[in-house]
């Protein structure tokens, strides 16, 4: 078993908060980022599923189904 680094623990924490639908500004505050933009830049890849879900919701609203 390899040793975990602090960075990996922070990333895991951010991932878990995101999975629990914690607002991005709260994740940013918990991580101690000076700007929500930093959080979005570093952890934005976690939000791809959110964008997909939003697009699907818009499609259902506009076209039914």
PDB file of N, CA and C in Angstrom:
ATOM      1  N   UNK A   1       0.846  -1.186   0.000  1.00  0.00           N
ATOM      2  CA  UNK A   1       0.000   0.000   0.000  1.00  0.00           C
ATOM      3  C   UNK A   1       0.886   1.242   0.000  1.00  0.00           C
ATOM      4  N   UNK A   2       0.553   2.181  -0.854  1.00  0.00           N
ATOM      5  CA  UNK A   2       1.373   3.395  -0.933  1.00  0.00           C
ATOM      6  C   UNK A   2       0.900   4.429   0.093  1.00  0.00           C
ATOM      7  N   UNK A   3       1.782   5.342   0.406  1.00  0.00           N
ATOM      8  CA  UNK A   3       1.444   6.414   1.334  1.00  0.00           C
ATOM      9  C   UNK A   3       0.618   7.464   0.606  1.00  0.00           C
ATOM     10  N   UNK A   4      -0.410   7.964   1.271  1.00  0.00           N
ATOM     11  CA  UNK A   4      -1.214   9.038   0.705  1.00  0.00           C
ATOM     12  C   UNK A   4      -0.524  10.362   0.950  1.00  0.00           C
ATOM     13  N   UNK A   5      -0.597  11.227  -0.033  1.00  0.00           N
ATOM     14  CA  UNK A   5      -0.058  12.572   0.128  1.00  0.00           C
ATOM     15  C   UNK A   5      -1.201  13.518   0.494  1.00  0.00           C
ATOM     16  N   UNK A   6      -0.850  14.645   1.079  1.00  0.00           N
ATOM     17  CA  UNK A   6      -1.848  15.632   1.486  1.00  0.00           C
ATOM     18  C   UNK A   6      -2.683  16.068   0.282  1.00  0.00           C
ATOM     19  N   UNK A   7      -2.042  16.268  -0.854  1.00  0.00           N
ATOM     20  CA  UNK A   7      -2.769  16.680  -2.053  1.00  0.00           C
ATOM     21  C   UNK A   7      -3.854  15.668  -2.416  1.00  0.00           C
ATOM     22  N   UNK A   8      -3.544  14.395  -2.319  1.00  0.00           N
ATOM     23  CA  UNK A   8      -4.528  13.363  -2.642  1.00  0.00           C
ATOM     24  C   UNK A   8      -5.702  13.397  -1.671  1.00  0.00           C
ATOM     25  N   UNK A   9      -5.414  13.667  -0.403  1.00  0.00           N
ATOM     26  CA  UNK A   9      -6.482  13.766   0.586  1.00  0.00           C
ATOM     27  C   UNK A   9      -7.369  14.977   0.312  1.00  0.00           C
ATOM     28  N   UNK A  10      -6.753  16.101  -0.064  1.00  0.00           N
ATOM     29  CA  UNK A  10      -7.543  17.302  -0.404  1.00  0.00           C
ATOM     30  C   UNK A  10      -8.426  17.032  -1.605  1.00  0.00           C
ATOM     31  N   UNK A  11      -7.855  16.382  -2.609  1.00  0.00           N
ATOM     32  CA  UNK A  11      -8.619  16.081  -3.816  1.00  0.00           C
ATOM     33  C   UNK A  11      -9.769  15.122  -3.489  1.00  0.00           C
ATOM     34  N   UNK A  12      -9.506  14.134  -2.674  1.00  0.00           N
ATOM     35  CA  UNK A  12     -10.560  13.198  -2.265  1.00  0.00           C
ATOM     36  C   UNK A  12     -11.654  13.928  -1.492  1.00  0.00           C
ATOM     37  N   UNK A  13     -11.250  14.826  -0.607  1.00  0.00           N
ATOM     38  CA  UNK A  13     -12.227  15.605   0.146  1.00  0.00           C
ATOM     39  C   UNK A  13     -13.091  16.460  -0.763  1.00  0.00           C
ATOM     40  N   UNK A  14     -12.464  17.117  -1.718  1.00  0.00           N
ATOM     41  CA  UNK A  14     -13.214  17.937  -2.666  1.00  0.00           C
ATOM     42  C   UNK A  14     -14.162  17.068  -3.494  1.00  0.00           C
ATOM     43  N   UNK A  15     -13.696  15.902  -3.906  1.00  0.00           N
ATOM     44  CA  UNK A  15     -14.534  14.990  -4.688  1.00  0.00           C
ATOM     45  C   UNK A  15     -15.738  14.525  -3.874  1.00  0.00           C
ATOM     46  N   UNK A  16     -15.514  14.193  -2.610  1.00  0.00           N
ATOM     47  CA  UNK A  16     -16.615  13.746  -1.757  1.00  0.00           C
ATOM     48  C   UNK A  16     -17.625  14.864  -1.508  1.00  0.00           C
ATOM     49  N   UNK A  17     -17.118  16.070  -1.273  1.00  0.00           N
ATOM     50  CA  UNK A  17     -18.041  17.195  -1.081  1.00  0.00           C
ATOM     51  C   UNK A  17     -18.874  17.424  -2.330  1.00  0.00           C
ATOM     52  N   UNK A  18     -18.235  17.349  -3.488  1.00  0.00           N
ATOM     53  CA  UNK A  18     -18.958  17.541  -4.740  1.00  0.00           C
ATOM     54  C   UNK A  18     -20.005  16.441  -4.925  1.00  0.00           C
ATOM     55  N   UNK A  19     -19.653  15.204  -4.625  1.00  0.00           N
ATOM     56  CA  UNK A  19     -20.574  14.077  -4.763  1.00  0.00           C
ATOM     57  C   UNK A  19     -21.790  14.229  -3.849  1.00  0.00           C
ATOM     58  N   UNK A  20     -21.621  14.954  -2.752  1.00  0.00           N
ATOM     59  CA  UNK A  20     -22.717  15.193  -1.817  1.00  0.00           C
ATOM     60  C   UNK A  20     -23.466  16.493  -2.138  1.00  0.00           C
ATOM     61  N   UNK A  21     -23.205  17.049  -3.310  1.00  0.00           N
ATOM     62  CA  UNK A  21     -23.869  18.272  -3.798  1.00  0.00           C
ATOM     63  C   UNK A  21     -23.567  19.500  -2.938  1.00  0.00           C
ATOM     64  N   UNK A  22     -22.382  19.535  -2.357  1.00  0.00           N
ATOM     65  CA  UNK A  22     -21.952  20.720  -1.619  1.00  0.00           C
ATOM     66  C   UNK A  22     -21.718  21.847  -2.621  1.00  0.00           C
ATOM     67  N   UNK A  23     -22.280  23.017  -2.390  1.00  0.00           N
ATOM     68  CA  UNK A  23     -22.069  24.128  -3.322  1.00  0.00           C
ATOM     69  C   UNK A  23     -20.578  24.431  -3.502  1.00  0.00           C
ATOM     70  N   UNK A  24     -20.210  24.801  -4.716  1.00  0.00           N
ATOM     71  CA  UNK A  24     -18.809  25.037  -5.049  1.00  0.00           C
ATOM     72  C   UNK A  24     -18.177  26.105  -4.163  1.00  0.00           C
ATOM     73  N   UNK A  25     -18.936  27.147  -3.821  1.00  0.00           N
ATOM     74  CA  UNK A  25     -18.346  28.194  -2.971  1.00  0.00           C
ATOM     75  C   UNK A  25     -18.012  27.656  -1.577  1.00  0.00           C
ATOM     76  N   UNK A  26     -18.769  26.678  -1.105  1.00  0.00           N
ATOM     77  CA  UNK A  26     -18.476  26.076   0.201  1.00  0.00           C
ATOM     78  C   UNK A  26     -17.223  25.206   0.104  1.00  0.00           C
ATOM     79  N   UNK A  27     -17.129  24.407  -0.973  1.00  0.00           N
ATOM     80  CA  UNK A  27     -15.930  23.596  -1.193  1.00  0.00           C
ATOM     81  C   UNK A  27     -14.708  24.505  -1.236  1.00  0.00           C
ATOM     82  N   UNK A  28     -14.832  25.620  -1.929  1.00  0.00           N
ATOM     83  CA  UNK A  28     -13.740  26.581  -2.044  1.00  0.00           C
ATOM     84  C   UNK A  28     -13.310  27.108  -0.673  1.00  0.00           C
ATOM     85  N   UNK A  29     -14.296  27.437   0.161  1.00  0.00           N
ATOM     86  CA  UNK A  29     -13.987  27.938   1.503  1.00  0.00           C
ATOM     87  C   UNK A  29     -13.310  26.865   2.353  1.00  0.00           C
ATOM     88  N   UNK A  30     -13.822  25.639   2.293  1.00  0.00           N
ATOM     89  CA  UNK A  30     -13.248  24.545   3.080  1.00  0.00           C
ATOM     90  C   UNK A  30     -11.798  24.290   2.673  1.00  0.00           C
ATOM     91  N   UNK A  31     -11.528  24.355   1.376  1.00  0.00           N
ATOM     92  CA  UNK A  31     -10.169  24.117   0.890  1.00  0.00           C
ATOM     93  C   UNK A  31      -9.248  25.300   1.122  1.00  0.00           C
ATOM     94  N   UNK A  32      -9.818  26.451   1.476  1.00  0.00           N
ATOM     95  CA  UNK A  32      -9.008  27.635   1.754  1.00  0.00           C
ATOM     96  C   UNK A  32      -8.567  28.384   0.511  1.00  0.00           C
ATOM     97  N   UNK A  33      -9.278  28.186  -0.594  1.00  0.00           N
ATOM     98  CA  UNK A  33      -8.936  28.921  -1.811  1.00  0.00           C
ATOM     99  C   UNK A  33      -9.358  30.378  -1.667  1.00  0.00           C
ATOM    100  N   UNK A  34      -8.571  31.260  -2.220  1.00  0.00           N
ATOM    101  CA  UNK A  34      -8.882  32.688  -2.134  1.00  0.00           C
ATOM    102  C   UNK A  34      -9.966  33.094  -3.114  1.00  0.00           C
ATOM    103  N   UNK A  35     -10.248  32.227  -4.076  1.00  0.00           N
ATOM    104  CA  UNK A  35     -11.254  32.531  -5.100  1.00  0.00           C
ATOM    105  C   UNK A  35     -11.950  31.249  -5.513  1.00  0.00           C
ATOM    106  N   UNK A  36     -13.241  31.350  -5.765  1.00  0.00           N
ATOM    107  CA  UNK A  36     -13.993  30.200  -6.267  1.00  0.00           C
ATOM    108  C   UNK A  36     -13.475  29.786  -7.649  1.00  0.00           C
ATOM    109  N   UNK A  37     -12.886  30.725  -8.367  1.00  0.00           N
ATOM    110  CA  UNK A  37     -12.329  30.423  -9.690  1.00  0.00           C
ATOM    111  C   UNK A  37     -11.190  29.404  -9.586  1.00  0.00           C
ATOM    112  N   UNK A  38     -10.407  29.497  -8.527  1.00  0.00           N
ATOM    113  CA  UNK A  38      -9.321  28.527  -8.328  1.00  0.00           C
ATOM    114  C   UNK A  38      -9.919  27.131  -8.163  1.00  0.00           C
ATOM    115  N   UNK A  39     -10.940  27.035  -7.341  1.00  0.00           N
ATOM    116  CA  UNK A  39     -11.587  25.747  -7.099  1.00  0.00           C
ATOM    117  C   UNK A  39     -12.147  25.188  -8.397  1.00  0.00           C
ATOM    118  N   UNK A  40     -12.795  26.041  -9.173  1.00  0.00           N
ATOM    119  CA  UNK A  40     -13.378  25.600 -10.442  1.00  0.00           C
ATOM    120  C   UNK A  40     -12.290  25.154 -11.414  1.00  0.00           C
ATOM    121  N   UNK A  41     -11.190  25.888 -11.459  1.00  0.00           N
ATOM    122  CA  UNK A  41     -10.093  25.524 -12.362  1.00  0.00           C
ATOM    123  C   UNK A  41      -9.469  24.177 -11.974  1.00  0.00           C
ATOM    124  N   UNK A  42      -9.273  23.964 -10.673  1.00  0.00           N
ATOM    125  CA  UNK A  42      -8.595  22.756 -10.209  1.00  0.00           C
ATOM    126  C   UNK A  42      -9.520  21.542 -10.236  1.00  0.00           C
ATOM    127  N   UNK A  43     -10.775  21.744  -9.852  1.00  0.00           N
ATOM    128  CA  UNK A  43     -11.695  20.624  -9.702  1.00  0.00           C
ATOM    129  C   UNK A  43     -12.835  20.637 -10.722  1.00  0.00           C
ATOM    130  N   UNK A  44     -12.713  21.452 -11.748  1.00  0.00           N
ATOM    131  CA  UNK A  44     -13.765  21.583 -12.752  1.00  0.00           C
ATOM    132  C   UNK A  44     -14.121  20.281 -13.443  1.00  0.00           C
ATOM    133  N   UNK A  45     -13.148  19.384 -13.574  1.00  0.00           N
ATOM    134  CA  UNK A  45     -13.430  18.112 -14.244  1.00  0.00           C
ATOM    135  C   UNK A  45     -14.482  17.308 -13.494  1.00  0.00           C
ATOM    136  N   UNK A  46     -14.658  17.579 -12.200  1.00  0.00           N
ATOM    137  CA  UNK A  46     -15.673  16.877 -11.430  1.00  0.00           C
ATOM    138  C   UNK A  46     -17.081  17.311 -11.823  1.00  0.00           C
ATOM    139  N   UNK A  47     -17.183  18.474 -12.458  1.00  0.00           N
ATOM    140  CA  UNK A  47     -18.486  19.035 -12.789  1.00  0.00           C
ATOM    141  C   UNK A  47     -19.001  18.632 -14.158  1.00  0.00           C
ATOM    142  N   UNK A  48     -18.248  17.844 -14.905  1.00  0.00           N
ATOM    143  CA  UNK A  48     -18.685  17.457 -16.238  1.00  0.00           C
ATOM    144  C   UNK A  48     -20.015  16.725 -16.203  1.00  0.00           C
ATOM    145  N   UNK A  49     -20.216  15.860 -15.235  1.00  0.00           N
ATOM    146  CA  UNK A  49     -21.486  15.160 -15.093  1.00  0.00           C
ATOM    147  C   UNK A  49     -22.624  16.120 -14.823  1.00  0.00           C
ATOM    148  N   UNK A  50     -22.340  17.197 -14.062  1.00  0.00           N
ATOM    149  CA  UNK A  50     -23.359  18.208 -13.790  1.00  0.00           C
ATOM    150  C   UNK A  50     -23.788  18.899 -15.071  1.00  0.00           C
ATOM    151  N   UNK A  51     -22.825  19.221 -15.917  1.00  0.00           N
ATOM    152  CA  UNK A  51     -23.153  19.883 -17.191  1.00  0.00           C
ATOM    153  C   UNK A  51     -23.997  18.966 -18.056  1.00  0.00           C
ATOM    154  N   UNK A  52     -23.644  17.702 -18.077  1.00  0.00           N
ATOM    155  CA  UNK A  52     -24.402  16.727 -18.861  1.00  0.00           C
ATOM    156  C   UNK A  52     -25.834  16.618 -18.329  1.00  0.00           C
ATOM    157  N   UNK A  53     -25.972  16.544 -17.016  1.00  0.00           N
ATOM    158  CA  UNK A  53     -27.300  16.456 -16.400  1.00  0.00           C
ATOM    159  C   UNK A  53     -28.135  17.693 -16.707  1.00  0.00           C
ATOM    160  N   UNK A  54     -27.498  18.854 -16.665  1.00  0.00           N
ATOM    161  CA  UNK A  54     -28.210  20.096 -16.974  1.00  0.00           C
ATOM    162  C   UNK A  54     -28.679  20.108 -18.417  1.00  0.00           C
ATOM    163  N   UNK A  55     -27.825  19.661 -19.336  1.00  0.00           N
ATOM    164  CA  UNK A  55     -28.208  19.617 -20.748  1.00  0.00           C
ATOM    165  C   UNK A  55     -29.362  18.641 -20.973  1.00  0.00           C
ATOM    166  N   UNK A  56     -29.306  17.508 -20.293  1.00  0.00           N
ATOM    167  CA  UNK A  56     -30.397  16.525 -20.431  1.00  0.00           C
ATOM    168  C   UNK A  56     -31.699  17.070 -19.867  1.00  0.00           C
ATOM    169  N   UNK A  57     -31.621  17.788 -18.754  1.00  0.00           N
ATOM    170  CA  UNK A  57     -32.815  18.389 -18.158  1.00  0.00           C
ATOM    171  C   UNK A  57     -33.426  19.430 -19.087  1.00  0.00           C
ATOM    172  N   UNK A  58     -32.573  20.243 -19.717  1.00  0.00           N
ATOM    173  CA  UNK A  58     -33.068  21.235 -20.681  1.00  0.00           C
ATOM    174  C   UNK A  58     -33.723  20.549 -21.873  1.00  0.00           C
ATOM    175  N   UNK A  59     -33.122  19.485 -22.344  1.00  0.00           N
ATOM    176  CA  UNK A  59     -33.676  18.749 -23.470  1.00  0.00           C
ATOM    177  C   UNK A  59     -35.056  18.190 -23.129  1.00  0.00           C
ATOM    178  N   UNK A  60     -35.182  17.627 -21.918  1.00  0.00           N
ATOM    179  CA  UNK A  60     -36.492  17.094 -21.505  1.00  0.00           C
ATOM    180  C   UNK A  60     -37.510  18.215 -21.391  1.00  0.00           C
ATOM    181  N   UNK A  61     -37.091  19.364 -20.854  1.00  0.00           N
ATOM    182  CA  UNK A  61     -38.019  20.483 -20.676  1.00  0.00           C
ATOM    183  C   UNK A  61     -38.474  21.040 -22.018  1.00  0.00           C
ATOM    184  N   UNK A  62     -37.560  21.105 -22.971  1.00  0.00           N
ATOM    185  CA  UNK A  62     -37.894  21.692 -24.272  1.00  0.00           C
ATOM    186  C   UNK A  62     -38.583  20.726 -25.224  1.00  0.00           C
ATOM    187  N   UNK A  63     -38.161  19.475 -25.181  1.00  0.00           N
ATOM    188  CA  UNK A  63     -38.629  18.511 -26.186  1.00  0.00           C
ATOM    189  C   UNK A  63     -39.425  17.355 -25.595  1.00  0.00           C
ATOM    190  N   UNK A  64     -39.606  17.339 -24.299  1.00  0.00           N
ATOM    191  CA  UNK A  64     -40.358  16.271 -23.636  1.00  0.00           C
ATOM    192  C   UNK A  64     -39.516  15.006 -23.517  1.00  0.00           C
ATOM    193  N   UNK A  65     -40.059  14.068 -22.809  1.00  0.00           N
ATOM    194  CA  UNK A  65     -39.375  12.790 -22.699  1.00  0.00           C
ATOM    195  C   UNK A  65     -38.843  12.601 -21.391  1.00  0.00           C
TER     196      UNK A  65
END
